[in-house]
Protein backbone atom coordinates (compact mmCIF):
# COMPACT_ATOMS: atom_id res chain seq x y z
CA MET A 1 9.91 2.19 15.05
CA PRO A 2 8.95 -0.88 17.12
CA ALA A 3 11.69 -3.33 18.09
CA GLY A 4 11.97 -6.01 15.44
CA ALA A 5 10.27 -3.89 12.80
CA ARG A 6 11.71 -3.86 9.31
CA ILE A 7 11.18 -1.42 6.45
CA VAL A 8 11.51 -2.38 2.82
CA SER A 9 11.04 0.45 0.36
CA ILE A 10 10.59 -0.05 -3.35
CA GLU A 11 12.05 2.82 -5.33
CA LEU A 12 12.06 3.16 -9.11
CA SER A 13 15.01 5.55 -9.07
CA PRO A 14 18.45 4.48 -7.78
CA ASP A 15 18.99 8.14 -6.79
CA HIS A 16 15.85 8.12 -4.62
CA ALA A 17 16.97 4.81 -3.12
CA GLU A 18 20.27 6.38 -2.08
CA ILE A 19 18.46 9.37 -0.53
CA ALA A 20 16.27 6.97 1.48
CA ARG A 21 19.37 5.12 2.71
CA GLY A 22 20.91 8.42 3.84
CA ILE A 23 17.77 9.40 5.74
CA TRP A 24 17.68 6.01 7.45
CA ARG A 25 21.37 6.28 8.41
CA HIS A 26 20.67 9.71 9.91
CA ALA A 27 17.63 8.31 11.78
CA GLY A 28 19.68 5.38 13.08
CA ILE A 29 17.48 2.68 11.52
CA ASP A 30 19.60 1.72 8.52
CA ASP A 31 20.16 -1.72 10.07
CA ARG A 32 16.37 -2.35 9.82
CA ALA A 33 15.56 -0.58 6.56
CA SER A 34 16.42 -1.55 3.01
CA VAL A 35 15.57 -0.46 -0.51
CA VAL A 36 14.79 -2.55 -3.55
CA VAL A 37 15.27 -0.65 -6.81
CA GLY A 38 12.49 -1.64 -9.18
CA MET A 39 8.73 -1.68 -9.48
CA LEU A 40 6.12 -4.35 -8.77
CA SER A 41 4.86 -4.37 -12.36
CA ASP A 42 8.26 -5.25 -13.90
CA GLY A 43 7.27 -8.80 -14.82
CA GLY A 44 8.13 -10.36 -11.47
CA ALA A 45 11.79 -9.39 -10.94
CA THR A 46 11.05 -7.07 -8.00
CA LEU A 47 8.47 -9.43 -6.49
CA ASP A 48 10.96 -12.30 -6.76
CA ALA A 49 13.69 -10.17 -5.13
CA LEU A 50 11.36 -9.32 -2.24
CA GLU A 51 10.77 -13.03 -1.67
CA ALA A 52 14.36 -14.19 -2.11
CA GLU A 53 16.22 -11.35 -0.43
CA HIS A 54 13.75 -9.92 2.09
CA GLY A 55 11.65 -12.85 3.27
CA PHE A 56 8.33 -11.85 1.75
CA GLY A 57 5.98 -14.78 1.58
CA PRO A 58 2.48 -15.99 2.47
CA LYS A 59 0.76 -13.67 4.95
CA ALA A 60 4.05 -11.89 5.74
CA VAL A 61 3.00 -8.29 5.05
CA ASP A 62 1.39 -6.28 7.84
CA PHE A 63 1.43 -2.78 6.35
CA VAL A 64 1.52 -1.28 2.85
CA PHE A 65 1.81 2.42 2.06
CA LEU A 66 0.98 3.37 -1.52
CA ASP A 67 2.39 6.70 -2.65
CA HIS A 68 3.66 6.22 -6.18
CA GLY A 69 2.04 6.26 -9.65
CA LYS A 70 -1.67 6.48 -8.86
CA ASP A 71 -2.63 4.28 -11.84
CA ALA A 72 -0.40 1.58 -10.34
CA TYR A 73 -2.16 1.42 -6.95
CA LEU A 74 -4.73 -1.20 -7.94
CA PRO A 75 -2.49 -3.38 -10.17
CA ASP A 76 0.21 -3.39 -7.48
CA LEU A 77 -2.29 -4.32 -4.77
CA GLU A 78 -3.55 -7.13 -6.99
CA LEU A 79 0.03 -8.42 -7.36
CA LEU A 80 0.41 -8.52 -3.57
CA LEU A 81 -2.88 -10.40 -3.28
CA GLU A 82 -1.90 -12.86 -6.03
CA ARG A 83 1.31 -13.65 -4.16
CA GLY A 84 -0.71 -14.22 -0.97
CA TRP A 85 1.46 -11.79 1.02
CA LEU A 86 -1.43 -10.06 2.80
CA ARG A 87 -3.08 -11.57 5.87
CA PRO A 88 -6.34 -10.68 7.58
CA GLY A 89 -5.53 -7.52 9.50
CA THR A 90 -2.99 -6.15 7.02
CA VAL A 91 -3.46 -2.39 6.68
CA VAL A 92 -3.05 -0.66 3.31
CA VAL A 93 -2.84 3.14 3.30
CA ALA A 94 -3.17 4.91 -0.06
CA ASP A 95 -2.19 8.57 -0.35
CA ASN A 96 -3.49 11.13 -2.87
CA VAL A 97 -6.56 9.09 -3.81
CA LYS A 98 -8.55 12.19 -4.77
CA HIS A 99 -5.78 14.43 -6.14
CA PRO A 100 -4.19 13.55 -8.50
CA GLY A 101 -6.48 10.60 -7.92
CA ALA A 102 -6.72 6.82 -8.04
CA PRO A 103 -10.38 6.30 -9.06
CA LYS A 104 -10.03 2.60 -9.96
CA TYR A 105 -8.39 1.86 -6.62
CA ARG A 106 -11.08 3.79 -4.73
CA ALA A 107 -13.87 2.00 -6.65
CA TYR A 108 -12.22 -1.38 -5.94
CA MET A 109 -12.20 -0.68 -2.20
CA ALA A 110 -15.80 0.62 -2.25
CA GLU A 111 -17.01 -2.45 -4.16
CA ARG A 112 -15.43 -4.80 -1.60
CA GLU A 113 -16.36 -2.84 1.53
CA GLY A 114 -17.30 -5.22 4.34
CA GLN A 115 -16.45 -8.30 2.26
CA THR A 116 -12.68 -8.45 1.79
CA TRP A 117 -11.81 -4.90 2.92
CA ARG A 118 -12.90 -2.40 5.56
CA THR A 119 -11.98 1.11 4.41
CA ALA A 120 -12.01 4.54 6.01
CA GLU A 121 -11.65 7.63 3.86
CA HIS A 122 -9.68 10.37 5.60
CA ALA A 123 -10.25 13.90 4.32
CA THR A 124 -7.00 15.80 4.04
CA HIS A 125 -5.14 18.18 1.73
CA VAL A 126 -2.48 17.69 -0.91
CA GLU A 127 0.99 17.89 0.63
CA TYR A 128 2.57 21.24 1.42
CA GLN A 129 -0.55 23.39 0.96
CA SER A 130 -4.06 23.84 2.31
CA LEU A 131 -6.22 24.58 -0.74
CA LEU A 132 -6.49 21.30 -2.68
CA LYS A 133 -8.59 18.74 -0.88
CA ASP A 134 -7.45 15.14 -1.01
CA LEU A 135 -8.24 11.72 0.45
CA VAL A 136 -6.15 9.10 2.17
CA LEU A 137 -7.72 5.63 2.19
CA GLU A 138 -6.96 3.37 5.15
CA SER A 139 -8.05 -0.18 4.36
CA GLU A 140 -7.90 -3.27 6.52
CA TYR A 141 -7.75 -6.57 4.66
CA LEU A 142 -10.42 -8.93 5.99
CA GLY A 143 -9.22 -11.95 4.05
CA PRO A 144 -10.40 -13.63 0.87
CA ARG A 145 -14.02 -14.53 0.25
CA GLY A 146 -14.53 -18.27 0.55
CA GLY A 147 -10.88 -19.29 0.71
CA GLU A 148 -8.41 -18.50 -2.04
CA HIS A 149 -8.68 -15.47 -4.31
CA SER A 150 -10.32 -16.16 -7.61
CA PRO A 151 -9.28 -14.23 -10.72
CA SER A 152 -12.69 -12.49 -10.70
CA GLU A 153 -12.09 -11.25 -7.14
CA LEU A 154 -8.80 -9.69 -8.15
CA ARG A 155 -10.09 -7.91 -11.27
CA SER A 156 -11.17 -4.30 -11.07
CA PRO A 157 -14.88 -4.05 -10.26
CA ARG A 158 -17.65 -2.55 -12.33
CA PRO A 159 -18.60 0.95 -11.17
CA ARG A 160 -20.53 0.91 -7.90
CA GLN A 161 -24.28 1.08 -8.57
CA SER A 162 -25.77 1.05 -5.10
CA GLY A 163 -24.95 0.83 -1.44
CA SER A 164 -23.25 3.23 0.87
CA PRO A 165 -19.75 4.62 0.37
CA PRO A 166 -16.89 3.61 2.65
CA ARG A 167 -16.79 5.05 6.18
CA SER A 168 -15.31 8.53 6.36
CA ALA A 169 -13.11 10.24 8.90
CA SER A 170 -10.97 13.31 8.81
CA CYS A 171 -7.34 13.82 9.66
CA ARG A 172 -4.82 16.59 9.36
CA GLY A 173 -2.22 16.21 6.66
CA SER A 174 -1.39 13.00 4.90
CA PRO A 175 1.06 10.28 5.87
CA GLN A 176 4.59 10.81 4.64
CA GLY A 177 6.81 8.01 3.44
CA ALA A 178 5.53 4.80 1.87
CA GLY A 179 5.70 1.00 2.37
CA VAL A 180 5.30 -2.74 2.26
CA GLY A 181 6.02 -4.42 5.59
CA CYS A 182 6.94 -7.98 6.47
CA ASP A 183 6.71 -10.28 9.43
CA GLY A 184 4.81 -8.06 11.86
CA ARG A 185 6.57 -4.99 10.61
CA PHE A 186 5.77 -1.94 8.54
CA SER A 187 7.57 -0.45 5.57
CA PRO A 188 7.59 2.45 3.15
CA TYR A 189 6.66 1.90 -0.48
CA ARG A 190 7.16 4.50 -3.19
């Protein structure tokens, strides 16, 4: 982990949070890694805690790893955008986009390709096996269109009618861990 990097993991389960803390102690990074127990869609409590206790703020997040409830990928990304935490250059990696799947998230990224996002689809397999094909999306935030985000920009798009799909690449395996990162740092997010 780069010097000065900080990890903030969001865990729904207090038991999972304690496991993460133990792993970080073992890895020797527990002084730079912390866990917030909650979820982004809890009405603002977790978002407020990230701001108040962990310094999240405008353009503070450099890396987000999505690897939780697949239906929550897009709403959680929209919450980060609404708070203004992403900056041009922020990278968002979403695991398991094909299986079990996050079709609304994938459509959102495809609809905004080259405008507010630049996305590469990495062919991979579901964790711990080699039969089920999967996708990991790696998306770079390009910034809002025409200044601030409008509510229409944040809403889920209509299904893509024309145009080319996002760029594709292949990789072996999928990223492990998860995260929202702050201040030039990366972080796991579950």
